[in-house]
Amino acid sequence: MAAAKFREHGFDARRGVQYSGGPDSPDVVGPEGLHIEVKFTERLRLWDALAQSKHDAGKGEIPIVMHKCNGSEWIVIQPFDDWIEMFKEWKD
């Protein structure tokens, strides 16, 4: 489901191998530069999910958490410092 959201917007993405953690096993493979942790749950443990994404991200990857619960839209959670850098780049 999460990988499909990226494909809807023209990015090459597929479900990752979700068994070992680390930069070689994100929940979604692609787009480049992101480490994507996916949580589909009614009760997200936000800080635990973000810590997992940060821990597993490779060098130079932005850790994000994609979250969805039943009947809701997807949201993306990421550290502010990463978000503001992306926003500054977008504004230029």
PDB file of N, CA and C in Angstrom:
ATOM      1  N   MET A   1       0.802  -1.195   0.000  1.00  0.00           N
ATOM      2  CA  MET A   1       0.000   0.000   0.000  1.00  0.00           C
ATOM      3  C   MET A   1       0.850   1.266   0.000  1.00  0.00           C
ATOM      4  N   ALA A   2       1.860   1.338   0.872  1.00  0.00           N
ATOM      5  CA  ALA A   2       2.688   2.539   0.952  1.00  0.00           C
ATOM      6  C   ALA A   2       3.503   2.717  -0.325  1.00  0.00           C
ATOM      7  N   ALA A   3       4.074   1.638  -0.834  1.00  0.00           N
ATOM      8  CA  ALA A   3       4.839   1.729  -2.078  1.00  0.00           C
ATOM      9  C   ALA A   3       3.952   2.204  -3.220  1.00  0.00           C
ATOM     10  N   ALA A   4       2.708   1.782  -3.225  1.00  0.00           N
ATOM     11  CA  ALA A   4       1.769   2.207  -4.276  1.00  0.00           C
ATOM     12  C   ALA A   4       1.558   3.709  -4.253  1.00  0.00           C
ATOM     13  N   LYS A   5       1.578   4.333  -3.074  1.00  0.00           N
ATOM     14  CA  LYS A   5       1.424   5.784  -2.993  1.00  0.00           C
ATOM     15  C   LYS A   5       2.562   6.484  -3.722  1.00  0.00           C
ATOM     16  N   PHE A   6       3.778   5.976  -3.586  1.00  0.00           N
ATOM     17  CA  PHE A   6       4.905   6.566  -4.313  1.00  0.00           C
ATOM     18  C   PHE A   6       4.745   6.347  -5.816  1.00  0.00           C
ATOM     19  N   ARG A   7       4.324   5.142  -6.209  1.00  0.00           N
ATOM     20  CA  ARG A   7       4.137   4.859  -7.639  1.00  0.00           C
ATOM     21  C   ARG A   7       3.061   5.749  -8.249  1.00  0.00           C
ATOM     22  N   GLU A   8       2.016   6.070  -7.485  1.00  0.00           N
ATOM     23  CA  GLU A   8       0.973   6.976  -7.972  1.00  0.00           C
ATOM     24  C   GLU A   8       1.546   8.333  -8.366  1.00  0.00           C
ATOM     25  N   HIS A   9       2.665   8.696  -7.754  1.00  0.00           N
ATOM     26  CA  HIS A   9       3.282   9.998  -8.013  1.00  0.00           C
ATOM     27  C   HIS A   9       4.529   9.882  -8.888  1.00  0.00           C
ATOM     28  N   GLY A  10       4.662   8.752  -9.566  1.00  0.00           N
ATOM     29  CA  GLY A  10       5.719   8.602 -10.557  1.00  0.00           C
ATOM     30  C   GLY A  10       7.058   8.098 -10.055  1.00  0.00           C
ATOM     31  N   PHE A  11       7.123   7.662  -8.798  1.00  0.00           N
ATOM     32  CA  PHE A  11       8.375   7.140  -8.254  1.00  0.00           C
ATOM     33  C   PHE A  11       8.396   5.623  -8.355  1.00  0.00           C
ATOM     34  N   ASP A  12       9.572   5.094  -8.639  1.00  0.00           N
ATOM     35  CA  ASP A  12       9.763   3.646  -8.637  1.00  0.00           C
ATOM     36  C   ASP A  12       9.874   3.206  -7.184  1.00  0.00           C
ATOM     37  N   ALA A  13       8.958   2.382  -6.731  1.00  0.00           N
ATOM     38  CA  ALA A  13       8.963   1.939  -5.338  1.00  0.00           C
ATOM     39  C   ALA A  13       8.340   0.557  -5.239  1.00  0.00           C
ATOM     40  N   ARG A  14       8.851  -0.202  -4.286  1.00  0.00           N
ATOM     41  CA  ARG A  14       8.300  -1.534  -4.025  1.00  0.00           C
ATOM     42  C   ARG A  14       8.432  -1.829  -2.539  1.00  0.00           C
ATOM     43  N   ARG A  15       7.690  -2.815  -2.104  1.00  0.00           N
ATOM     44  CA  ARG A  15       7.764  -3.241  -0.717  1.00  0.00           C
ATOM     45  C   ARG A  15       9.142  -3.836  -0.444  1.00  0.00           C
ATOM     46  N   GLY A  16       9.710  -3.505   0.698  1.00  0.00           N
ATOM     47  CA  GLY A  16      11.023  -4.004   1.055  1.00  0.00           C
ATOM     48  C   GLY A  16      10.940  -5.306   1.823  1.00  0.00           C
ATOM     49  N   VAL A  17      12.105  -5.860   2.115  1.00  0.00           N
ATOM     50  CA  VAL A  17      12.221  -7.059   2.933  1.00  0.00           C
ATOM     51  C   VAL A  17      12.243  -6.590   4.379  1.00  0.00           C
ATOM     52  N   GLN A  18      11.269  -6.996   5.157  1.00  0.00           N
ATOM     53  CA  GLN A  18      11.075  -6.406   6.478  1.00  0.00           C
ATOM     54  C   GLN A  18      11.425  -7.372   7.603  1.00  0.00           C
ATOM     55  N   TYR A  19      12.645  -7.845   7.603  1.00  0.00           N
ATOM     56  CA  TYR A  19      12.964  -8.831   8.633  1.00  0.00           C
ATOM     57  C   TYR A  19      14.186  -8.498   9.468  1.00  0.00           C
ATOM     58  N   SER A  20      15.099  -7.679   8.975  1.00  0.00           N
ATOM     59  CA  SER A  20      16.347  -7.551   9.720  1.00  0.00           C
ATOM     60  C   SER A  20      16.644  -6.146  10.221  1.00  0.00           C
ATOM     61  N   GLY A  21      16.010  -5.128   9.699  1.00  0.00           N
ATOM     62  CA  GLY A  21      16.349  -3.767  10.076  1.00  0.00           C
ATOM     63  C   GLY A  21      17.648  -3.341   9.437  1.00  0.00           C
ATOM     64  N   GLY A  22      17.894  -2.068   9.386  1.00  0.00           N
ATOM     65  CA  GLY A  22      19.118  -1.545   8.793  1.00  0.00           C
ATOM     66  C   GLY A  22      18.866  -0.941   7.437  1.00  0.00           C
ATOM     67  N   PRO A  23      19.891  -0.303   6.887  1.00  0.00           N
ATOM     68  CA  PRO A  23      19.731   0.415   5.628  1.00  0.00           C
ATOM     69  C   PRO A  23      19.385  -0.463   4.429  1.00  0.00           C
ATOM     70  N   ASP A  24      19.665  -1.760   4.528  1.00  0.00           N
ATOM     71  CA  ASP A  24      19.377  -2.655   3.408  1.00  0.00           C
ATOM     72  C   ASP A  24      17.982  -3.260   3.458  1.00  0.00           C
ATOM     73  N   SER A  25      17.183  -2.882   4.453  1.00  0.00           N
ATOM     74  CA  SER A  25      15.852  -3.484   4.544  1.00  0.00           C
ATOM     75  C   SER A  25      14.778  -2.476   4.978  1.00  0.00           C
ATOM     76  N   PRO A  26      14.598  -1.385   4.203  1.00  0.00           N
ATOM     77  CA  PRO A  26      13.509  -0.477   4.535  1.00  0.00           C
ATOM     78  C   PRO A  26      12.163  -1.138   4.236  1.00  0.00           C
ATOM     79  N   ASP A  27      11.098  -0.597   4.805  1.00  0.00           N
ATOM     80  CA  ASP A  27       9.766  -1.129   4.515  1.00  0.00           C
ATOM     81  C   ASP A  27       9.361  -0.858   3.072  1.00  0.00           C
ATOM     82  N   VAL A  28       9.823   0.276   2.525  1.00  0.00           N
ATOM     83  CA  VAL A  28       9.604   0.610   1.116  1.00  0.00           C
ATOM     84  C   VAL A  28      10.958   0.916   0.504  1.00  0.00           C
ATOM     85  N   VAL A  29      11.264   0.278  -0.618  1.00  0.00           N
ATOM     86  CA  VAL A  29      12.507   0.534  -1.345  1.00  0.00           C
ATOM     87  C   VAL A  29      12.206   1.565  -2.418  1.00  0.00           C
ATOM     88  N   GLY A  30      12.897   2.708  -2.365  1.00  0.00           N
ATOM     89  CA  GLY A  30      12.679   3.824  -3.274  1.00  0.00           C
ATOM     90  C   GLY A  30      11.707   4.788  -2.651  1.00  0.00           C
ATOM     91  N   PRO A  31      11.729   6.017  -2.971  1.00  0.00           N
ATOM     92  CA  PRO A  31      12.716   6.746  -3.748  1.00  0.00           C
ATOM     93  C   PRO A  31      14.060   6.879  -3.016  1.00  0.00           C
ATOM     94  N   GLU A  32      15.087   7.067  -3.805  1.00  0.00           N
ATOM     95  CA  GLU A  32      16.440   7.175  -3.281  1.00  0.00           C
ATOM     96  C   GLU A  32      16.539   8.340  -2.297  1.00  0.00           C
ATOM     97  N   GLY A  33      17.302   8.132  -1.235  1.00  0.00           N
ATOM     98  CA  GLY A  33      17.536   9.191  -0.263  1.00  0.00           C
ATOM     99  C   GLY A  33      16.631   9.141   0.955  1.00  0.00           C
ATOM    100  N   LEU A  34      15.649   8.236   0.944  1.00  0.00           N
ATOM    101  CA  LEU A  34      14.744   8.099   2.085  1.00  0.00           C
ATOM    102  C   LEU A  34      14.892   6.720   2.707  1.00  0.00           C
ATOM    103  N   HIS A  35      14.766   6.668   4.021  1.00  0.00           N
ATOM    104  CA  HIS A  35      14.592   5.389   4.700  1.00  0.00           C
ATOM    105  C   HIS A  35      13.174   5.403   5.239  1.00  0.00           C
ATOM    106  N   ILE A  36      12.317   4.541   4.708  1.00  0.00           N
ATOM    107  CA  ILE A  36      10.885   4.594   4.969  1.00  0.00           C
ATOM    108  C   ILE A  36      10.459   3.466   5.903  1.00  0.00           C
ATOM    109  N   GLU A  37       9.962   3.867   7.050  1.00  0.00           N
ATOM    110  CA  GLU A  37       9.370   2.945   8.014  1.00  0.00           C
ATOM    111  C   GLU A  37       7.857   3.096   7.876  1.00  0.00           C
ATOM    112  N   VAL A  38       7.142   2.000   7.665  1.00  0.00           N
ATOM    113  CA  VAL A  38       5.695   2.048   7.455  1.00  0.00           C
ATOM    114  C   VAL A  38       4.979   1.452   8.658  1.00  0.00           C
ATOM    115  N   LYS A  39       3.978   2.183   9.129  1.00  0.00           N
ATOM    116  CA  LYS A  39       3.161   1.707  10.244  1.00  0.00           C
ATOM    117  C   LYS A  39       1.693   1.844   9.848  1.00  0.00           C
ATOM    118  N   PHE A  40       0.987   0.735   9.841  1.00  0.00           N
ATOM    119  CA  PHE A  40      -0.454   0.708   9.595  1.00  0.00           C
ATOM    120  C   PHE A  40      -1.092   0.206  10.880  1.00  0.00           C
ATOM    121  N   THR A  41      -1.460   1.141  11.733  1.00  0.00           N
ATOM    122  CA  THR A  41      -1.960   0.784  13.061  1.00  0.00           C
ATOM    123  C   THR A  41      -2.877   1.879  13.584  1.00  0.00           C
ATOM    124  N   GLU A  42      -3.764   1.511  14.463  1.00  0.00           N
ATOM    125  CA  GLU A  42      -4.660   2.487  15.068  1.00  0.00           C
ATOM    126  C   GLU A  42      -3.953   3.303  16.154  1.00  0.00           C
ATOM    127  N   ARG A  43      -2.940   2.734  16.755  1.00  0.00           N
ATOM    128  CA  ARG A  43      -2.233   3.411  17.848  1.00  0.00           C
ATOM    129  C   ARG A  43      -0.734   3.421  17.567  1.00  0.00           C
ATOM    130  N   LEU A  44      -0.291   4.469  16.944  1.00  0.00           N
ATOM    131  CA  LEU A  44       1.119   4.583  16.589  1.00  0.00           C
ATOM    132  C   LEU A  44       1.951   4.998  17.794  1.00  0.00           C
ATOM    133  N   ARG A  45       3.010   4.279  17.990  1.00  0.00           N
ATOM    134  CA  ARG A  45       4.010   4.689  18.988  1.00  0.00           C
ATOM    135  C   ARG A  45       5.038   5.527  18.229  1.00  0.00           C
ATOM    136  N   LEU A  46       4.689   6.801  18.082  1.00  0.00           N
ATOM    137  CA  LEU A  46       5.414   7.733  17.223  1.00  0.00           C
ATOM    138  C   LEU A  46       6.913   7.733  17.465  1.00  0.00           C
ATOM    139  N   TRP A  47       7.310   7.944  18.698  1.00  0.00           N
ATOM    140  CA  TRP A  47       8.737   8.077  18.977  1.00  0.00           C
ATOM    141  C   TRP A  47       9.487   6.771  18.742  1.00  0.00           C
ATOM    142  N   ASP A  48       8.855   5.649  19.020  1.00  0.00           N
ATOM    143  CA  ASP A  48       9.483   4.354  18.743  1.00  0.00           C
ATOM    144  C   ASP A  48       9.647   4.151  17.238  1.00  0.00           C
ATOM    145  N   ALA A  49       8.621   4.506  16.474  1.00  0.00           N
ATOM    146  CA  ALA A  49       8.684   4.340  15.017  1.00  0.00           C
ATOM    147  C   ALA A  49       9.758   5.233  14.419  1.00  0.00           C
ATOM    148  N   LEU A  50       9.827   6.484  14.868  1.00  0.00           N
ATOM    149  CA  LEU A  50      10.838   7.399  14.349  1.00  0.00           C
ATOM    150  C   LEU A  50      12.237   6.954  14.753  1.00  0.00           C
ATOM    151  N   ALA A  51      12.387   6.473  15.982  1.00  0.00           N
ATOM    152  CA  ALA A  51      13.693   5.969  16.423  1.00  0.00           C
ATOM    153  C   ALA A  51      14.128   4.782  15.573  1.00  0.00           C
ATOM    154  N   GLN A  52      13.193   3.907  15.231  1.00  0.00           N
ATOM    155  CA  GLN A  52      13.518   2.761  14.385  1.00  0.00           C
ATOM    156  C   GLN A  52      13.984   3.223  13.011  1.00  0.00           C
ATOM    157  N   SER A  53      13.283   4.197  12.421  1.00  0.00           N
ATOM    158  CA  SER A  53      13.673   4.695  11.107  1.00  0.00           C
ATOM    159  C   SER A  53      15.043   5.367  11.155  1.00  0.00           C
ATOM    160  N   LYS A  54      15.291   6.158  12.199  1.00  0.00           N
ATOM    161  CA  LYS A  54      16.600   6.809  12.349  1.00  0.00           C
ATOM    162  C   LYS A  54      17.704   5.769  12.502  1.00  0.00           C
ATOM    163  N   HIS A  55      17.460   4.766  13.343  1.00  0.00           N
ATOM    164  CA  HIS A  55      18.462   3.732  13.602  1.00  0.00           C
ATOM    165  C   HIS A  55      18.795   2.951  12.330  1.00  0.00           C
ATOM    166  N   ASP A  56      17.769   2.653  11.532  1.00  0.00           N
ATOM    167  CA  ASP A  56      17.962   1.805  10.358  1.00  0.00           C
ATOM    168  C   ASP A  56      18.403   2.571   9.114  1.00  0.00           C
ATOM    169  N   ALA A  57      18.297   3.901   9.132  1.00  0.00           N
ATOM    170  CA  ALA A  57      18.655   4.699   7.945  1.00  0.00           C
ATOM    171  C   ALA A  57      20.146   4.602   7.657  1.00  0.00           C
ATOM    172  N   GLY A  58      20.463   4.533   6.382  1.00  0.00           N
ATOM    173  CA  GLY A  58      21.855   4.537   5.968  1.00  0.00           C
ATOM    174  C   GLY A  58      22.401   5.950   5.929  1.00  0.00           C
ATOM    175  N   LYS A  59      23.695   6.060   5.754  1.00  0.00           N
ATOM    176  CA  LYS A  59      24.349   7.369   5.685  1.00  0.00           C
ATOM    177  C   LYS A  59      23.735   8.192   4.550  1.00  0.00           C
ATOM    178  N   GLY A  60      23.317   9.399   4.866  1.00  0.00           N
ATOM    179  CA  GLY A  60      22.749  10.291   3.866  1.00  0.00           C
ATOM    180  C   GLY A  60      21.266  10.077   3.591  1.00  0.00           C
ATOM    181  N   GLU A  61      20.652   9.092   4.235  1.00  0.00           N
ATOM    182  CA  GLU A  61      19.220   8.856   4.037  1.00  0.00           C
ATOM    183  C   GLU A  61      18.406   9.647   5.051  1.00  0.00           C
ATOM    184  N   ILE A  62      17.278  10.164   4.616  1.00  0.00           N
ATOM    185  CA  ILE A  62      16.357  10.869   5.496  1.00  0.00           C
ATOM    186  C   ILE A  62      15.393   9.842   6.078  1.00  0.00           C
ATOM    187  N   PRO A  63      15.346   9.721   7.406  1.00  0.00           N
ATOM    188  CA  PRO A  63      14.406   8.767   8.017  1.00  0.00           C
ATOM    189  C   PRO A  63      12.996   9.363   8.045  1.00  0.00           C
ATOM    190  N   ILE A  64      12.024   8.594   7.557  1.00  0.00           N
ATOM    191  CA  ILE A  64      10.635   9.018   7.644  1.00  0.00           C
ATOM    192  C   ILE A  64       9.778   7.848   8.113  1.00  0.00           C
ATOM    193  N   VAL A  65       8.637   8.182   8.667  1.00  0.00           N
ATOM    194  CA  VAL A  65       7.639   7.189   9.048  1.00  0.00           C
ATOM    195  C   VAL A  65       6.386   7.519   8.253  1.00  0.00           C
ATOM    196  N   MET A  66       5.898   6.558   7.486  1.00  0.00           N
ATOM    197  CA  MET A  66       4.596   6.693   6.825  1.00  0.00           C
ATOM    198  C   MET A  66       3.594   5.980   7.716  1.00  0.00           C
ATOM    199  N   HIS A  67       2.518   6.670   8.038  1.00  0.00           N
ATOM    200  CA  HIS A  67       1.534   6.098   8.948  1.00  0.00           C
ATOM    201  C   HIS A  67       0.134   6.224   8.376  1.00  0.00           C
ATOM    202  N   LYS A  68      -0.652   5.186   8.604  1.00  0.00           N
ATOM    203  CA  LYS A  68      -2.049   5.171   8.192  1.00  0.00           C
ATOM    204  C   LYS A  68      -2.820   4.306   9.170  1.00  0.00           C
ATOM    205  N   CYS A  69      -4.001   4.752   9.501  1.00  0.00           N
ATOM    206  CA  CYS A  69      -4.911   3.896  10.255  1.00  0.00           C
ATOM    207  C   CYS A  69      -6.188   3.762   9.429  1.00  0.00           C
ATOM    208  N   ASN A  70      -7.058   2.864   9.813  1.00  0.00           N
ATOM    209  CA  ASN A  70      -8.279   2.598   9.051  1.00  0.00           C
ATOM    210  C   ASN A  70      -9.055   3.882   8.780  1.00  0.00           C
ATOM    211  N   GLY A  71      -9.433   4.068   7.529  1.00  0.00           N
ATOM    212  CA  GLY A  71     -10.273   5.196   7.154  1.00  0.00           C
ATOM    213  C   GLY A  71      -9.570   6.537   7.110  1.00  0.00           C
ATOM    214  N   SER A  72      -8.258   6.551   7.187  1.00  0.00           N
ATOM    215  CA  SER A  72      -7.541   7.827   7.180  1.00  0.00           C
ATOM    216  C   SER A  72      -6.604   7.909   5.983  1.00  0.00           C
ATOM    217  N   GLU A  73      -6.105   9.105   5.763  1.00  0.00           N
ATOM    218  CA  GLU A  73      -5.116   9.303   4.710  1.00  0.00           C
ATOM    219  C   GLU A  73      -3.725   8.970   5.245  1.00  0.00           C
ATOM    220  N   TRP A  74      -2.772   8.767   4.350  1.00  0.00           N
ATOM    221  CA  TRP A  74      -1.384   8.549   4.750  1.00  0.00           C
ATOM    222  C   TRP A  74      -0.823   9.849   5.288  1.00  0.00           C
ATOM    223  N   ILE A  75       0.000   9.763   6.323  1.00  0.00           N
ATOM    224  CA  ILE A  75       0.765  10.907   6.798  1.00  0.00           C
ATOM    225  C   ILE A  75       2.237  10.518   6.837  1.00  0.00           C
ATOM    226  N   VAL A  76       3.101  11.521   6.808  1.00  0.00           N
ATOM    227  CA  VAL A  76       4.546  11.307   6.880  1.00  0.00           C
ATOM    228  C   VAL A  76       5.074  12.077   8.079  1.00  0.00           C
ATOM    229  N   ILE A  77       5.878  11.409   8.866  1.00  0.00           N
ATOM    230  CA  ILE A  77       6.483  11.996  10.053  1.00  0.00           C
ATOM    231  C   ILE A  77       7.990  11.955   9.855  1.00  0.00           C
ATOM    232  N   GLN A  78       8.636  13.077  10.124  1.00  0.00           N
ATOM    233  CA  GLN A  78      10.085  13.109  10.003  1.00  0.00           C
ATOM    234  C   GLN A  78      10.649  14.154  10.954  1.00  0.00           C
ATOM    235  N   PRO A  79      11.945  14.063  11.259  1.00  0.00           N
ATOM    236  CA  PRO A  79      12.555  15.065  12.124  1.00  0.00           C
ATOM    237  C   PRO A  79      12.477  16.459  11.480  1.00  0.00           C
ATOM    238  N   PHE A  80      12.254  17.469  12.296  1.00  0.00           N
ATOM    239  CA  PHE A  80      12.118  18.831  11.793  1.00  0.00           C
ATOM    240  C   PHE A  80      13.333  19.275  10.998  1.00  0.00           C
ATOM    241  N   ASP A  81      14.544  18.971  11.469  1.00  0.00           N
ATOM    242  CA  ASP A  81      15.748  19.419  10.763  1.00  0.00           C
ATOM    243  C   ASP A  81      15.793  18.895   9.327  1.00  0.00           C
ATOM    244  N   ASP A  82      15.355  17.672   9.113  1.00  0.00           N
ATOM    245  CA  ASP A  82      15.299  17.133   7.750  1.00  0.00           C
ATOM    246  C   ASP A  82      14.202  17.820   6.953  1.00  0.00           C
ATOM    247  N   TRP A  83      13.053  18.027   7.578  1.00  0.00           N
ATOM    248  CA  TRP A  83      11.931  18.662   6.889  1.00  0.00           C
ATOM    249  C   TRP A  83      12.277  20.080   6.467  1.00  0.00           C
ATOM    250  N   ILE A  84      12.892  20.858   7.360  1.00  0.00           N
ATOM    251  CA  ILE A  84      13.176  22.262   7.039  1.00  0.00           C
ATOM    252  C   ILE A  84      14.182  22.366   5.903  1.00  0.00           C
ATOM    253  N   GLU A  85      15.133  21.448   5.847  1.00  0.00           N
ATOM    254  CA  GLU A  85      16.094  21.462   4.730  1.00  0.00           C
ATOM    255  C   GLU A  85      15.375  21.186   3.412  1.00  0.00           C
ATOM    256  N   MET A  86      14.456  20.241   3.410  1.00  0.00           N
ATOM    257  CA  MET A  86      13.681  19.955   2.195  1.00  0.00           C
ATOM    258  C   MET A  86      12.815  21.161   1.828  1.00  0.00           C
ATOM    259  N   PHE A  87      12.219  21.794   2.810  1.00  0.00           N
ATOM    260  CA  PHE A  87      11.356  22.949   2.562  1.00  0.00           C
ATOM    261  C   PHE A  87      12.169  24.113   1.990  1.00  0.00           C
ATOM    262  N   LYS A  88      13.344  24.368   2.565  1.00  0.00           N
ATOM    263  CA  LYS A  88      14.202  25.441   2.047  1.00  0.00           C
ATOM    264  C   LYS A  88      14.569  25.197   0.597  1.00  0.00           C
ATOM    265  N   GLU A  89      14.912  23.952   0.283  1.00  0.00           N
ATOM    266  CA  GLU A  89      15.267  23.601  -1.103  1.00  0.00           C
ATOM    267  C   GLU A  89      14.084  23.816  -2.028  1.00  0.00           C
ATOM    268  N   TRP A  90      12.906  23.462  -1.589  1.00  0.00           N
ATOM    269  CA  TRP A  90      11.692  23.621  -2.384  1.00  0.00           C
ATOM    270  C   TRP A  90      11.389  25.094  -2.617  1.00  0.00           C
ATOM    271  N   LYS A  91      11.621  25.941  -1.600  1.00  0.00           N
ATOM    272  CA  LYS A  91      11.325  27.362  -1.706  1.00  0.00           C
ATOM    273  C   LYS A  91      12.278  28.074  -2.660  1.00  0.00           C
ATOM    274  N   ASP A  92      13.487  27.582  -2.833  1.00  0.00           N
ATOM    275  CA  ASP A  92      14.480  28.238  -3.722  1.00  0.00           C
ATOM    276  C   ASP A  92      14.189  28.015  -5.182  1.00  0.00           C
TER     277      ASP A  92
END
